[in-house]
Amino acid sequence: MSQNNICKRTTISNNSYEPFMLGDKQAGEVQWLSQTNSNNDPTFSGLWRCEPMTFEYEFPGDEYIHVLSGELHIQTKDGYYDLNQGDIVMFNKGVKSTWIIRSSFKKFFVIDNC
């Protein structure tokens, strides 16, 4: 990632990912674009990728997702959502879900209102 006072930048082809941990379990890898906004409020954005697996996830803030590749099935108490390449969705803060990664998955995300 490169940055200056007005712009932060990363690329899809960049390989500087780190483990994304949910408690003591790794759930894919993340490449952070930002972890705060211009007011230093918690606002997370970046790229996330994962190979097929299943895990529990509670959305820590309002999460906006743009699926770059792969297939993901998200189950909540209110229903299920199948996400595929090109889909753009938003989930509300606090929603408890089960993620079933069906094929190598990559997304761009923004998490706000943490």
C-alpha atoms as a PDB file:
ATOM      1  CA  MET A   1       0.000   0.000   0.000  1.00  0.00           C
ATOM      2  CA  SER A   2       1.199   3.508  -0.740  1.00  0.00           C
ATOM      3  CA  GLN A   3      -0.169   6.626   0.869  1.00  0.00           C
ATOM      4  CA  ASN A   4       0.256  10.342   1.344  1.00  0.00           C
ATOM      5  CA  ASN A   5      -1.779  12.969   3.185  1.00  0.00           C
ATOM      6  CA  ILE A   6      -4.766  12.798   0.815  1.00  0.00           C
ATOM      7  CA  CYS A   7      -4.705   9.347  -0.783  1.00  0.00           C
ATOM      8  CA  LYS A   8      -4.249   5.701   0.212  1.00  0.00           C
ATOM      9  CA  ARG A   9      -3.741   3.109  -2.484  1.00  0.00           C
ATOM     10  CA  THR A  10      -3.423  -0.636  -2.851  1.00  0.00           C
ATOM     11  CA  THR A  11      -3.801  -3.052  -5.761  1.00  0.00           C
ATOM     12  CA  ILE A  12      -5.603  -6.349  -6.248  1.00  0.00           C
ATOM     13  CA  SER A  13      -2.406  -7.987  -7.464  1.00  0.00           C
ATOM     14  CA  ASN A  14      -0.459  -7.002  -4.346  1.00  0.00           C
ATOM     15  CA  ASN A  15       0.595 -10.005  -2.248  1.00  0.00           C
ATOM     16  CA  SER A  16       1.064  -8.255   1.107  1.00  0.00           C
ATOM     17  CA  TYR A  17      -1.734 -10.109   2.921  1.00  0.00           C
ATOM     18  CA  GLU A  18      -1.701 -11.041   6.598  1.00  0.00           C
ATOM     19  CA  PRO A  19      -3.758 -13.633   8.497  1.00  0.00           C
ATOM     20  CA  PHE A  20      -7.281 -12.475   9.406  1.00  0.00           C
ATOM     21  CA  MET A  21      -8.050 -13.854  12.854  1.00  0.00           C
ATOM     22  CA  LEU A  22     -11.454 -14.466  14.437  1.00  0.00           C
ATOM     23  CA  GLY A  23     -10.478 -15.233  17.983  1.00  0.00           C
ATOM     24  CA  ASP A  24      -7.893 -18.013  17.733  1.00  0.00           C
ATOM     25  CA  LYS A  25      -9.055 -19.222  14.292  1.00  0.00           C
ATOM     26  CA  GLN A  26      -7.678 -17.907  11.005  1.00  0.00           C
ATOM     27  CA  ALA A  27     -10.419 -16.987   8.532  1.00  0.00           C
ATOM     28  CA  GLY A  28      -8.600 -16.072   5.357  1.00  0.00           C
ATOM     29  CA  GLU A  29      -6.177 -13.227   4.816  1.00  0.00           C
ATOM     30  CA  VAL A  30      -6.562  -9.462   4.725  1.00  0.00           C
ATOM     31  CA  GLN A  31      -4.722  -6.573   3.104  1.00  0.00           C
ATOM     32  CA  TRP A  32      -5.676  -3.357   4.881  1.00  0.00           C
ATOM     33  CA  LEU A  33      -6.243  -0.177   2.911  1.00  0.00           C
ATOM     34  CA  SER A  34      -7.295   1.774   6.020  1.00  0.00           C
ATOM     35  CA  GLN A  35      -8.223   1.218   9.642  1.00  0.00           C
ATOM     36  CA  THR A  36      -9.390   4.769  10.375  1.00  0.00           C
ATOM     37  CA  ASN A  37     -11.063   7.516   8.353  1.00  0.00           C
ATOM     38  CA  SER A  38      -9.870  11.122   7.976  1.00  0.00           C
ATOM     39  CA  ASN A  39     -11.347  11.959  11.415  1.00  0.00           C
ATOM     40  CA  ASN A  40      -9.456   9.009  12.989  1.00  0.00           C
ATOM     41  CA  ASP A  41     -12.759   7.185  13.561  1.00  0.00           C
ATOM     42  CA  PRO A  42     -12.634   3.380  13.132  1.00  0.00           C
ATOM     43  CA  THR A  43     -13.416   2.695   9.482  1.00  0.00           C
ATOM     44  CA  PHE A  44     -11.854  -0.425   8.013  1.00  0.00           C
ATOM     45  CA  SER A  45     -11.338  -1.131   4.329  1.00  0.00           C
ATOM     46  CA  GLY A  46      -9.244  -3.438   2.227  1.00  0.00           C
ATOM     47  CA  LEU A  47      -9.056  -6.712   0.382  1.00  0.00           C
ATOM     48  CA  TRP A  48      -9.908 -10.052   1.950  1.00  0.00           C
ATOM     49  CA  ARG A  49      -9.446 -13.504   0.483  1.00  0.00           C
ATOM     50  CA  CYS A  50     -10.198 -16.998   1.677  1.00  0.00           C
ATOM     51  CA  GLU A  51     -10.081 -20.579   0.465  1.00  0.00           C
ATOM     52  CA  PRO A  52     -13.140 -22.825   0.994  1.00  0.00           C
ATOM     53  CA  MET A  53     -14.070 -23.094   4.682  1.00  0.00           C
ATOM     54  CA  THR A  54     -16.931 -22.365   7.107  1.00  0.00           C
ATOM     55  CA  PHE A  55     -16.881 -19.980  10.082  1.00  0.00           C
ATOM     56  CA  GLU A  56     -19.116 -17.852  12.320  1.00  0.00           C
ATOM     57  CA  TYR A  57     -18.949 -14.060  11.866  1.00  0.00           C
ATOM     58  CA  GLU A  58     -20.712 -11.181  13.615  1.00  0.00           C
ATOM     59  CA  PHE A  59     -20.537  -7.999  11.560  1.00  0.00           C
ATOM     60  CA  PRO A  60     -18.598  -5.492  13.744  1.00  0.00           C
ATOM     61  CA  GLY A  61     -20.014  -2.508  11.847  1.00  0.00           C
ATOM     62  CA  ASP A  62     -22.051  -1.803   8.742  1.00  0.00           C
ATOM     63  CA  GLU A  63     -20.121  -3.808   6.141  1.00  0.00           C
ATOM     64  CA  TYR A  64     -20.133  -3.057   2.433  1.00  0.00           C
ATOM     65  CA  ILE A  65     -18.856  -5.879   0.226  1.00  0.00           C
ATOM     66  CA  HIS A  66     -17.926  -5.959  -3.456  1.00  0.00           C
ATOM     67  CA  VAL A  67     -17.243  -9.545  -4.548  1.00  0.00           C
ATOM     68  CA  LEU A  68     -14.191  -9.654  -6.818  1.00  0.00           C
ATOM     69  CA  SER A  69     -14.130 -13.433  -7.334  1.00  0.00           C
ATOM     70  CA  GLY A  70     -15.501 -16.682  -5.951  1.00  0.00           C
ATOM     71  CA  GLU A  71     -18.696 -17.853  -4.286  1.00  0.00           C
ATOM     72  CA  LEU A  72     -19.904 -17.252  -0.739  1.00  0.00           C
ATOM     73  CA  HIS A  73     -23.051 -18.420   1.055  1.00  0.00           C
ATOM     74  CA  ILE A  74     -23.990 -16.348   4.138  1.00  0.00           C
ATOM     75  CA  GLN A  75     -26.625 -17.715   6.517  1.00  0.00           C
ATOM     76  CA  THR A  76     -28.349 -15.426   9.062  1.00  0.00           C
ATOM     77  CA  LYS A  77     -31.387 -15.915  11.303  1.00  0.00           C
ATOM     78  CA  ASP A  78     -33.414 -14.002   8.697  1.00  0.00           C
ATOM     79  CA  GLY A  79     -32.355 -15.984   5.641  1.00  0.00           C
ATOM     80  CA  TYR A  80     -29.440 -16.737   3.379  1.00  0.00           C
ATOM     81  CA  TYR A  81     -27.497 -14.823   0.758  1.00  0.00           C
ATOM     82  CA  ASP A  82     -25.484 -16.289  -2.113  1.00  0.00           C
ATOM     83  CA  LEU A  83     -22.803 -13.886  -3.295  1.00  0.00           C
ATOM     84  CA  ASN A  84     -20.879 -14.195  -6.558  1.00  0.00           C
ATOM     85  CA  GLN A  85     -18.423 -12.153  -8.603  1.00  0.00           C
ATOM     86  CA  GLY A  86     -19.732  -8.640  -9.247  1.00  0.00           C
ATOM     87  CA  ASP A  87     -22.259  -8.582  -6.391  1.00  0.00           C
ATOM     88  CA  ILE A  88     -22.287  -5.547  -4.103  1.00  0.00           C
ATOM     89  CA  VAL A  89     -24.086  -5.867  -0.759  1.00  0.00           C
ATOM     90  CA  MET A  90     -24.305  -4.282   2.690  1.00  0.00           C
ATOM     91  CA  PHE A  91     -24.918  -6.011   6.021  1.00  0.00           C
ATOM     92  CA  ASN A  92     -25.882  -4.159   9.205  1.00  0.00           C
ATOM     93  CA  LYS A  93     -23.732  -3.978  12.306  1.00  0.00           C
ATOM     94  CA  GLY A  94     -24.365  -6.807  14.774  1.00  0.00           C
ATOM     95  CA  VAL A  95     -25.812  -9.351  12.318  1.00  0.00           C
ATOM     96  CA  LYS A  96     -24.685 -12.838  13.345  1.00  0.00           C
ATOM     97  CA  SER A  97     -23.917 -15.091  10.424  1.00  0.00           C
ATOM     98  CA  THR A  98     -22.298 -18.277   9.197  1.00  0.00           C
ATOM     99  CA  TRP A  99     -20.039 -17.931   6.173  1.00  0.00           C
ATOM    100  CA  ILE A 100     -19.583 -20.871   3.834  1.00  0.00           C
ATOM    101  CA  ILE A 101     -16.844 -20.139   1.311  1.00  0.00           C
ATOM    102  CA  ARG A 102     -17.611 -22.392  -1.672  1.00  0.00           C
ATOM    103  CA  SER A 103     -14.663 -21.473  -3.917  1.00  0.00           C
ATOM    104  CA  SER A 104     -11.562 -19.269  -3.656  1.00  0.00           C
ATOM    105  CA  PHE A 105     -13.092 -15.962  -2.616  1.00  0.00           C
ATOM    106  CA  LYS A 106     -11.880 -12.355  -2.761  1.00  0.00           C
ATOM    107  CA  LYS A 107     -13.727  -9.172  -1.800  1.00  0.00           C
ATOM    108  CA  PHE A 108     -13.183  -5.470  -1.368  1.00  0.00           C
ATOM    109  CA  PHE A 109     -14.838  -4.303   1.854  1.00  0.00           C
ATOM    110  CA  VAL A 110     -15.573  -1.232   3.931  1.00  0.00           C
ATOM    111  CA  ILE A 111     -16.659  -1.552   7.570  1.00  0.00           C
ATOM    112  CA  ASP A 112     -18.091   1.590   9.124  1.00  0.00           C
ATOM    113  CA  ASN A 113     -20.000   2.450  12.305  1.00  0.00           C
ATOM    114  CA  CYS A 114     -17.851   0.133  14.460  1.00  0.00           C
END
